[in-house]
Amino acid sequence: MRKSRFTDEQMIAILQERAAGAKVGELCRRHGITETTLGRWQRKYGGLQVTEAKRLKQLEDENRQLKRIIADQALNLQVVKDLLGKKW
């Protein structure tokens, strides 16, 4: 997945500008983003503070690691089952 050019803190700051009453079109033009991107950020980070967003990012990374570990273990288990299931 492509890495964003904005940090979580920057995204939240832009959303806070929007909540303060900035016009969406002008806000998007100033920061070089589309309205779709702004809407996506609103769904993901709407109402979060910077510390909460950092924690969310940390949990997502941890979840990604755990999923990778589970996939590796499932693959290893399948290999062992295949080897033990064969008649020599």
PDB file of N, CA and C in Angstrom:
ATOM      1  N   MET A   1       0.840  -1.172   0.000  1.00  0.00           N
ATOM      2  CA  MET A   1       0.000   0.000   0.000  1.00  0.00           C
ATOM      3  C   MET A   1       0.890   1.242   0.000  1.00  0.00           C
ATOM      4  N   ARG A   2       0.456   2.260  -0.719  1.00  0.00           N
ATOM      5  CA  ARG A   2       1.230   3.486  -0.845  1.00  0.00           C
ATOM      6  C   ARG A   2       1.197   4.277   0.453  1.00  0.00           C
ATOM      7  N   LYS A   3       2.342   4.801   0.828  1.00  0.00           N
ATOM      8  CA  LYS A   3       2.435   5.607   2.041  1.00  0.00           C
ATOM      9  C   LYS A   3       1.925   7.017   1.756  1.00  0.00           C
ATOM     10  N   SER A   4       1.158   7.541   2.666  1.00  0.00           N
ATOM     11  CA  SER A   4       0.597   8.884   2.524  1.00  0.00           C
ATOM     12  C   SER A   4       1.689   9.939   2.677  1.00  0.00           C
ATOM     13  N   ARG A   5       1.513  11.060   1.998  1.00  0.00           N
ATOM     14  CA  ARG A   5       2.484  12.139   2.173  1.00  0.00           C
ATOM     15  C   ARG A   5       2.162  12.973   3.400  1.00  0.00           C
ATOM     16  N   PHE A   6       1.045  12.693   4.047  1.00  0.00           N
ATOM     17  CA  PHE A   6       0.649  13.416   5.249  1.00  0.00           C
ATOM     18  C   PHE A   6       0.766  12.487   6.460  1.00  0.00           C
ATOM     19  N   THR A   7       1.231  13.024   7.565  1.00  0.00           N
ATOM     20  CA  THR A   7       1.264  12.247   8.798  1.00  0.00           C
ATOM     21  C   THR A   7      -0.134  12.273   9.426  1.00  0.00           C
ATOM     22  N   ASP A   8      -0.332  11.408  10.403  1.00  0.00           N
ATOM     23  CA  ASP A   8      -1.621  11.383  11.096  1.00  0.00           C
ATOM     24  C   ASP A   8      -1.912  12.729  11.748  1.00  0.00           C
ATOM     25  N   GLU A   9      -0.880  13.348  12.295  1.00  0.00           N
ATOM     26  CA  GLU A   9      -1.058  14.641  12.951  1.00  0.00           C
ATOM     27  C   GLU A   9      -1.515  15.706  11.948  1.00  0.00           C
ATOM     28  N   GLN A  10      -0.924  15.684  10.751  1.00  0.00           N
ATOM     29  CA  GLN A  10      -1.311  16.648   9.728  1.00  0.00           C
ATOM     30  C   GLN A  10      -2.751  16.413   9.275  1.00  0.00           C
ATOM     31  N   MET A  11      -3.129  15.142   9.115  1.00  0.00           N
ATOM     32  CA  MET A  11      -4.499  14.831   8.707  1.00  0.00           C
ATOM     33  C   MET A  11      -5.494  15.342   9.735  1.00  0.00           C
ATOM     34  N   ILE A  12      -5.209  15.118  11.012  1.00  0.00           N
ATOM     35  CA  ILE A  12      -6.115  15.553  12.078  1.00  0.00           C
ATOM     36  C   ILE A  12      -6.176  17.077  12.129  1.00  0.00           C
ATOM     37  N   ALA A  13      -5.040  17.740  11.904  1.00  0.00           N
ATOM     38  CA  ALA A  13      -5.035  19.213  11.903  1.00  0.00           C
ATOM     39  C   ALA A  13      -5.917  19.742  10.770  1.00  0.00           C
ATOM     40  N   ILE A  14      -5.848  19.113   9.606  1.00  0.00           N
ATOM     41  CA  ILE A  14      -6.683  19.534   8.476  1.00  0.00           C
ATOM     42  C   ILE A  14      -8.159  19.307   8.799  1.00  0.00           C
ATOM     43  N   LEU A  15      -8.475  18.178   9.427  1.00  0.00           N
ATOM     44  CA  LEU A  15      -9.866  17.906   9.809  1.00  0.00           C
ATOM     45  C   LEU A  15     -10.353  18.896  10.858  1.00  0.00           C
ATOM     46  N   GLN A  16      -9.466  19.316  11.755  1.00  0.00           N
ATOM     47  CA  GLN A  16      -9.857  20.298  12.761  1.00  0.00           C
ATOM     48  C   GLN A  16     -10.114  21.659  12.119  1.00  0.00           C
ATOM     49  N   GLU A  17      -9.338  21.980  11.068  1.00  0.00           N
ATOM     50  CA  GLU A  17      -9.614  23.214  10.323  1.00  0.00           C
ATOM     51  C   GLU A  17     -11.005  23.163   9.719  1.00  0.00           C
ATOM     52  N   ARG A  18     -11.343  22.002   9.167  1.00  0.00           N
ATOM     53  CA  ARG A  18     -12.670  21.841   8.556  1.00  0.00           C
ATOM     54  C   ARG A  18     -13.765  21.997   9.604  1.00  0.00           C
ATOM     55  N   ALA A  19     -13.540  21.394  10.781  1.00  0.00           N
ATOM     56  CA  ALA A  19     -14.532  21.483  11.853  1.00  0.00           C
ATOM     57  C   ALA A  19     -14.670  22.916  12.359  1.00  0.00           C
ATOM     58  N   ALA A  20     -13.595  23.696  12.237  1.00  0.00           N
ATOM     59  CA  ALA A  20     -13.631  25.087  12.688  1.00  0.00           C
ATOM     60  C   ALA A  20     -14.395  25.982  11.724  1.00  0.00           C
ATOM     61  N   GLY A  21     -14.736  25.443  10.539  1.00  0.00           N
ATOM     62  CA  GLY A  21     -15.572  26.207   9.635  1.00  0.00           C
ATOM     63  C   GLY A  21     -14.938  26.568   8.306  1.00  0.00           C
ATOM     64  N   ALA A  22     -13.772  26.029   8.015  1.00  0.00           N
ATOM     65  CA  ALA A  22     -13.135  26.322   6.727  1.00  0.00           C
ATOM     66  C   ALA A  22     -13.940  25.675   5.609  1.00  0.00           C
ATOM     67  N   LYS A  23     -13.989  26.336   4.467  1.00  0.00           N
ATOM     68  CA  LYS A  23     -14.718  25.791   3.328  1.00  0.00           C
ATOM     69  C   LYS A  23     -13.939  24.616   2.744  1.00  0.00           C
ATOM     70  N   VAL A  24     -14.660  23.564   2.378  1.00  0.00           N
ATOM     71  CA  VAL A  24     -14.048  22.322   1.925  1.00  0.00           C
ATOM     72  C   VAL A  24     -13.215  22.544   0.667  1.00  0.00           C
ATOM     73  N   GLY A  25     -13.751  23.237  -0.310  1.00  0.00           N
ATOM     74  CA  GLY A  25     -13.035  23.465  -1.563  1.00  0.00           C
ATOM     75  C   GLY A  25     -11.738  24.220  -1.352  1.00  0.00           C
ATOM     76  N   GLU A  26     -11.795  25.279  -0.555  1.00  0.00           N
ATOM     77  CA  GLU A  26     -10.612  26.088  -0.294  1.00  0.00           C
ATOM     78  C   GLU A  26      -9.586  25.304   0.522  1.00  0.00           C
ATOM     79  N   LEU A  27     -10.055  24.524   1.471  1.00  0.00           N
ATOM     80  CA  LEU A  27      -9.182  23.700   2.310  1.00  0.00           C
ATOM     81  C   LEU A  27      -8.457  22.652   1.471  1.00  0.00           C
ATOM     82  N   CYS A  28      -9.169  22.005   0.589  1.00  0.00           N
ATOM     83  CA  CYS A  28      -8.569  20.994  -0.290  1.00  0.00           C
ATOM     84  C   CYS A  28      -7.549  21.623  -1.229  1.00  0.00           C
ATOM     85  N   ARG A  29      -7.865  22.759  -1.763  1.00  0.00           N
ATOM     86  CA  ARG A  29      -6.959  23.439  -2.691  1.00  0.00           C
ATOM     87  C   ARG A  29      -5.674  23.863  -1.974  1.00  0.00           C
ATOM     88  N   ARG A  30      -5.803  24.371  -0.771  1.00  0.00           N
ATOM     89  CA  ARG A  30      -4.647  24.853  -0.016  1.00  0.00           C
ATOM     90  C   ARG A  30      -3.691  23.718   0.348  1.00  0.00           C
ATOM     91  N   HIS A  31      -4.250  22.543   0.669  1.00  0.00           N
ATOM     92  CA  HIS A  31      -3.419  21.423   1.097  1.00  0.00           C
ATOM     93  C   HIS A  31      -3.107  20.441  -0.030  1.00  0.00           C
ATOM     94  N   GLY A  32      -3.707  20.639  -1.189  1.00  0.00           N
ATOM     95  CA  GLY A  32      -3.417  19.789  -2.335  1.00  0.00           C
ATOM     96  C   GLY A  32      -4.008  18.391  -2.234  1.00  0.00           C
ATOM     97  N   ILE A  33      -5.227  18.303  -1.714  1.00  0.00           N
ATOM     98  CA  ILE A  33      -5.918  17.018  -1.602  1.00  0.00           C
ATOM     99  C   ILE A  33      -7.270  17.124  -2.294  1.00  0.00           C
ATOM    100  N   THR A  34      -7.901  15.971  -2.511  1.00  0.00           N
ATOM    101  CA  THR A  34      -9.231  15.978  -3.116  1.00  0.00           C
ATOM    102  C   THR A  34     -10.286  15.917  -2.016  1.00  0.00           C
ATOM    103  N   GLU A  35     -11.506  16.233  -2.405  1.00  0.00           N
ATOM    104  CA  GLU A  35     -12.605  16.155  -1.436  1.00  0.00           C
ATOM    105  C   GLU A  35     -12.850  14.710  -1.014  1.00  0.00           C
ATOM    106  N   THR A  36     -12.592  13.770  -1.924  1.00  0.00           N
ATOM    107  CA  THR A  36     -12.737  12.352  -1.593  1.00  0.00           C
ATOM    108  C   THR A  36     -11.760  11.958  -0.498  1.00  0.00           C
ATOM    109  N   THR A  37     -10.529  12.425  -0.635  1.00  0.00           N
ATOM    110  CA  THR A  37      -9.516  12.138   0.382  1.00  0.00           C
ATOM    111  C   THR A  37      -9.924  12.722   1.720  1.00  0.00           C
ATOM    112  N   LEU A  38     -10.418  13.928   1.704  1.00  0.00           N
ATOM    113  CA  LEU A  38     -10.866  14.570   2.939  1.00  0.00           C
ATOM    114  C   LEU A  38     -12.002  13.770   3.583  1.00  0.00           C
ATOM    115  N   GLY A  39     -12.917  13.283   2.767  1.00  0.00           N
ATOM    116  CA  GLY A  39     -14.010  12.461   3.288  1.00  0.00           C
ATOM    117  C   GLY A  39     -13.513  11.149   3.878  1.00  0.00           C
ATOM    118  N   ARG A  40     -12.528  10.540   3.220  1.00  0.00           N
ATOM    119  CA  ARG A  40     -11.949   9.288   3.730  1.00  0.00           C
ATOM    120  C   ARG A  40     -11.272   9.522   5.081  1.00  0.00           C
ATOM    121  N   TRP A  41     -10.534  10.633   5.175  1.00  0.00           N
ATOM    122  CA  TRP A  41      -9.893  10.967   6.443  1.00  0.00           C
ATOM    123  C   TRP A  41     -10.938  11.211   7.523  1.00  0.00           C
ATOM    124  N   GLN A  42     -12.035  11.850   7.159  1.00  0.00           N
ATOM    125  CA  GLN A  42     -13.099  12.140   8.125  1.00  0.00           C
ATOM    126  C   GLN A  42     -13.684  10.846   8.672  1.00  0.00           C
ATOM    127  N   ARG A  43     -13.887   9.856   7.788  1.00  0.00           N
ATOM    128  CA  ARG A  43     -14.421   8.575   8.253  1.00  0.00           C
ATOM    129  C   ARG A  43     -13.436   7.855   9.170  1.00  0.00           C
ATOM    130  N   LYS A  44     -12.144   7.956   8.854  1.00  0.00           N
ATOM    131  CA  LYS A  44     -11.153   7.233   9.634  1.00  0.00           C
ATOM    132  C   LYS A  44     -10.763   7.963  10.912  1.00  0.00           C
ATOM    133  N   TYR A  45     -10.527   9.272  10.834  1.00  0.00           N
ATOM    134  CA  TYR A  45      -9.991  10.029  11.964  1.00  0.00           C
ATOM    135  C   TYR A  45     -10.971  11.011  12.578  1.00  0.00           C
ATOM    136  N   GLY A  46     -12.201  11.038  12.112  1.00  0.00           N
ATOM    137  CA  GLY A  46     -13.164  12.005  12.622  1.00  0.00           C
ATOM    138  C   GLY A  46     -13.357  11.893  14.119  1.00  0.00           C
ATOM    139  N   GLY A  47     -13.129  12.969  14.837  1.00  0.00           N
ATOM    140  CA  GLY A  47     -13.331  13.003  16.274  1.00  0.00           C
ATOM    141  C   GLY A  47     -12.148  12.511  17.088  1.00  0.00           C
ATOM    142  N   LEU A  48     -11.074  12.062  16.441  1.00  0.00           N
ATOM    143  CA  LEU A  48      -9.901  11.576  17.173  1.00  0.00           C
ATOM    144  C   LEU A  48      -8.951  12.721  17.478  1.00  0.00           C
ATOM    145  N   GLN A  49      -8.234  12.572  18.568  1.00  0.00           N
ATOM    146  CA  GLN A  49      -7.139  13.470  18.893  1.00  0.00           C
ATOM    147  C   GLN A  49      -5.844  12.840  18.386  1.00  0.00           C
ATOM    148  N   VAL A  50      -4.759  13.576  18.413  1.00  0.00           N
ATOM    149  CA  VAL A  50      -3.484  13.099  17.881  1.00  0.00           C
ATOM    150  C   VAL A  50      -3.016  11.851  18.624  1.00  0.00           C
ATOM    151  N   THR A  51      -3.124  11.834  19.941  1.00  0.00           N
ATOM    152  CA  THR A  51      -2.668  10.674  20.712  1.00  0.00           C
ATOM    153  C   THR A  51      -3.492   9.435  20.381  1.00  0.00           C
ATOM    154  N   GLU A  52      -4.786   9.628  20.199  1.00  0.00           N
ATOM    155  CA  GLU A  52      -5.650   8.499  19.840  1.00  0.00           C
ATOM    156  C   GLU A  52      -5.303   7.968  18.455  1.00  0.00           C
ATOM    157  N   ALA A  53      -4.978   8.857  17.529  1.00  0.00           N
ATOM    158  CA  ALA A  53      -4.608   8.442  16.176  1.00  0.00           C
ATOM    159  C   ALA A  53      -3.298   7.665  16.184  1.00  0.00           C
ATOM    160  N   LYS A  54      -2.343   8.093  17.006  1.00  0.00           N
ATOM    161  CA  LYS A  54      -1.076   7.360  17.120  1.00  0.00           C
ATOM    162  C   LYS A  54      -1.326   5.963  17.667  1.00  0.00           C
ATOM    163  N   ARG A  55      -2.182   5.861  18.661  1.00  0.00           N
ATOM    164  CA  ARG A  55      -2.508   4.558  19.244  1.00  0.00           C
ATOM    165  C   ARG A  55      -3.215   3.675  18.208  1.00  0.00           C
ATOM    166  N   LEU A  56      -4.106   4.258  17.426  1.00  0.00           N
ATOM    167  CA  LEU A  56      -4.792   3.518  16.367  1.00  0.00           C
ATOM    168  C   LEU A  56      -3.785   2.967  15.370  1.00  0.00           C
ATOM    169  N   LYS A  57      -2.831   3.781  14.970  1.00  0.00           N
ATOM    170  CA  LYS A  57      -1.799   3.359  14.022  1.00  0.00           C
ATOM    171  C   LYS A  57      -0.970   2.223  14.618  1.00  0.00           C
ATOM    172  N   GLN A  58      -0.625   2.333  15.889  1.00  0.00           N
ATOM    173  CA  GLN A  58       0.157   1.296  16.573  1.00  0.00           C
ATOM    174  C   GLN A  58      -0.621  -0.012  16.620  1.00  0.00           C
ATOM    175  N   LEU A  59      -1.899   0.048  16.919  1.00  0.00           N
ATOM    176  CA  LEU A  59      -2.728  -1.152  16.970  1.00  0.00           C
ATOM    177  C   LEU A  59      -2.879  -1.790  15.592  1.00  0.00           C
ATOM    178  N   GLU A  60      -3.001  -0.956  14.552  1.00  0.00           N
ATOM    179  CA  GLU A  60      -3.098  -1.489  13.185  1.00  0.00           C
ATOM    180  C   GLU A  60      -1.812  -2.218  12.795  1.00  0.00           C
ATOM    181  N   ASP A  61      -0.663  -1.653  13.168  1.00  0.00           N
ATOM    182  CA  ASP A  61       0.615  -2.311  12.873  1.00  0.00           C
ATOM    183  C   ASP A  61       0.745  -3.634  13.623  1.00  0.00           C
ATOM    184  N   GLU A  62       0.354  -3.628  14.886  1.00  0.00           N
ATOM    185  CA  GLU A  62       0.407  -4.851  15.689  1.00  0.00           C
ATOM    186  C   GLU A  62      -0.521  -5.917  15.112  1.00  0.00           C
ATOM    187  N   ASN A  63      -1.692  -5.510  14.695  1.00  0.00           N
ATOM    188  CA  ASN A  63      -2.660  -6.437  14.100  1.00  0.00           C
ATOM    189  C   ASN A  63      -2.110  -7.038  12.809  1.00  0.00           C
ATOM    190  N   ARG A  64      -1.453  -6.200  12.005  1.00  0.00           N
ATOM    191  CA  ARG A  64      -0.850  -6.671  10.755  1.00  0.00           C
ATOM    192  C   ARG A  64       0.222  -7.729  11.042  1.00  0.00           C
ATOM    193  N   GLN A  65       1.053  -7.491  12.056  1.00  0.00           N
ATOM    194  CA  GLN A  65       2.091  -8.453  12.435  1.00  0.00           C
ATOM    195  C   GLN A  65       1.479  -9.770  12.899  1.00  0.00           C
ATOM    196  N   LEU A  66       0.452  -9.687  13.719  1.00  0.00           N
ATOM    197  CA  LEU A  66      -0.187 -10.901  14.233  1.00  0.00           C
ATOM    198  C   LEU A  66      -0.830 -11.703  13.110  1.00  0.00           C
ATOM    199  N   LYS A  67      -1.451 -11.030  12.156  1.00  0.00           N
ATOM    200  CA  LYS A  67      -2.045 -11.733  11.016  1.00  0.00           C
ATOM    201  C   LYS A  67      -0.979 -12.447  10.203  1.00  0.00           C
ATOM    202  N   ARG A  68       0.172 -11.815  10.040  1.00  0.00           N
ATOM    203  CA  ARG A  68       1.273 -12.440   9.298  1.00  0.00           C
ATOM    204  C   ARG A  68       1.779 -13.685  10.040  1.00  0.00           C
ATOM    205  N   ILE A  69       1.890 -13.601  11.365  1.00  0.00           N
ATOM    206  CA  ILE A  69       2.334 -14.745  12.164  1.00  0.00           C
ATOM    207  C   ILE A  69       1.347 -15.895  12.039  1.00  0.00           C
ATOM    208  N   ILE A  70       0.059 -15.598  12.110  1.00  0.00           N
ATOM    209  CA  ILE A  70      -0.969 -16.638  11.994  1.00  0.00           C
ATOM    210  C   ILE A  70      -0.924 -17.290  10.620  1.00  0.00           C
ATOM    211  N   ALA A  71      -0.731 -16.497   9.576  1.00  0.00           N
ATOM    212  CA  ALA A  71      -0.645 -17.052   8.226  1.00  0.00           C
ATOM    213  C   ALA A  71       0.565 -17.963   8.091  1.00  0.00           C
ATOM    214  N   ASP A  72       1.704 -17.573   8.655  1.00  0.00           N
ATOM    215  CA  ASP A  72       2.902 -18.419   8.616  1.00  0.00           C
ATOM    216  C   ASP A  72       2.683 -19.726   9.363  1.00  0.00           C
ATOM    217  N   GLN A  73       2.049 -19.655  10.514  1.00  0.00           N
ATOM    218  CA  GLN A  73       1.795 -20.865  11.292  1.00  0.00           C
ATOM    219  C   GLN A  73       0.823 -21.790  10.562  1.00  0.00           C
ATOM    220  N   ALA A  74      -0.188 -21.227   9.929  1.00  0.00           N
ATOM    221  CA  ALA A  74      -1.146 -22.044   9.182  1.00  0.00           C
ATOM    222  C   ALA A  74      -0.446 -22.743   8.016  1.00  0.00           C
ATOM    223  N   LEU A  75       0.452 -22.039   7.355  1.00  0.00           N
ATOM    224  CA  LEU A  75       1.212 -22.632   6.256  1.00  0.00           C
ATOM    225  C   LEU A  75       2.117 -23.758   6.760  1.00  0.00           C
ATOM    226  N   ASN A  76       2.806 -23.526   7.871  1.00  0.00           N
ATOM    227  CA  ASN A  76       3.657 -24.564   8.454  1.00  0.00           C
ATOM    228  C   ASN A  76       2.836 -25.785   8.864  1.00  0.00           C
ATOM    229  N   LEU A  77       1.694 -25.564   9.431  1.00  0.00           N
ATOM    230  CA  LEU A  77       0.825 -26.672   9.844  1.00  0.00           C
ATOM    231  C   LEU A  77       0.360 -27.464   8.638  1.00  0.00           C
ATOM    232  N   GLN A  78       0.028 -26.792   7.562  1.00  0.00           N
ATOM    233  CA  GLN A  78      -0.402 -27.483   6.345  1.00  0.00           C
ATOM    234  C   GLN A  78       0.728 -28.324   5.769  1.00  0.00           C
ATOM    235  N   VAL A  79       1.951 -27.810   5.793  1.00  0.00           N
ATOM    236  CA  VAL A  79       3.108 -28.562   5.298  1.00  0.00           C
ATOM    237  C   VAL A  79       3.317 -29.818   6.134  1.00  0.00           C
ATOM    238  N   VAL A  80       3.232 -29.693   7.433  1.00  0.00           N
ATOM    239  CA  VAL A  80       3.406 -30.846   8.325  1.00  0.00           C
ATOM    240  C   VAL A  80       2.311 -31.868   8.074  1.00  0.00           C
ATOM    241  N   LYS A  81       1.096 -31.443   7.917  1.00  0.00           N
ATOM    242  CA  LYS A  81      -0.014 -32.367   7.646  1.00  0.00           C
ATOM    243  C   LYS A  81       0.196 -33.080   6.322  1.00  0.00           C
ATOM    244  N   ASP A  82       0.672 -32.363   5.318  1.00  0.00           N
ATOM    245  CA  ASP A  82       0.934 -32.983   4.018  1.00  0.00           C
ATOM    246  C   ASP A  82       2.035 -34.032   4.122  1.00  0.00           C
ATOM    247  N   LEU A  83       3.082 -33.730   4.870  1.00  0.00           N
ATOM    248  CA  LEU A  83       4.199 -34.671   5.013  1.00  0.00           C
ATOM    249  C   LEU A  83       3.787 -35.909   5.813  1.00  0.00           C
ATOM    250  N   LEU A  84       3.026 -35.709   6.872  1.00  0.00           N
ATOM    251  CA  LEU A  84       2.617 -36.848   7.697  1.00  0.00           C
ATOM    252  C   LEU A  84       1.524 -37.675   7.042  1.00  0.00           C
ATOM    253  N   GLY A  85       0.795 -37.084   6.139  1.00  0.00           N
ATOM    254  CA  GLY A  85      -0.294 -37.787   5.473  1.00  0.00           C
ATOM    255  C   GLY A  85       0.181 -38.706   4.356  1.00  0.00           C
ATOM    256  N   LYS A  86       1.407 -38.541   3.887  1.00  0.00           N
ATOM    257  CA  LYS A  86       1.911 -39.365   2.798  1.00  0.00           C
ATOM    258  C   LYS A  86       2.340 -40.731   3.321  1.00  0.00           C
ATOM    259  N   LYS A  87       2.125 -41.731   2.507  1.00  0.00           N
ATOM    260  CA  LYS A  87       2.578 -43.075   2.831  1.00  0.00           C
ATOM    261  C   LYS A  87       3.953 -43.248   2.219  1.00  0.00           C
ATOM    262  N   TRP A  88       4.929 -43.618   3.016  1.00  0.00           N
ATOM    263  CA  TRP A  88       6.288 -43.801   2.523  1.00  0.00           C
ATOM    264  C   TRP A  88       6.409 -45.198   2.059  1.00  0.00           C
TER     265      TRP A  88
END
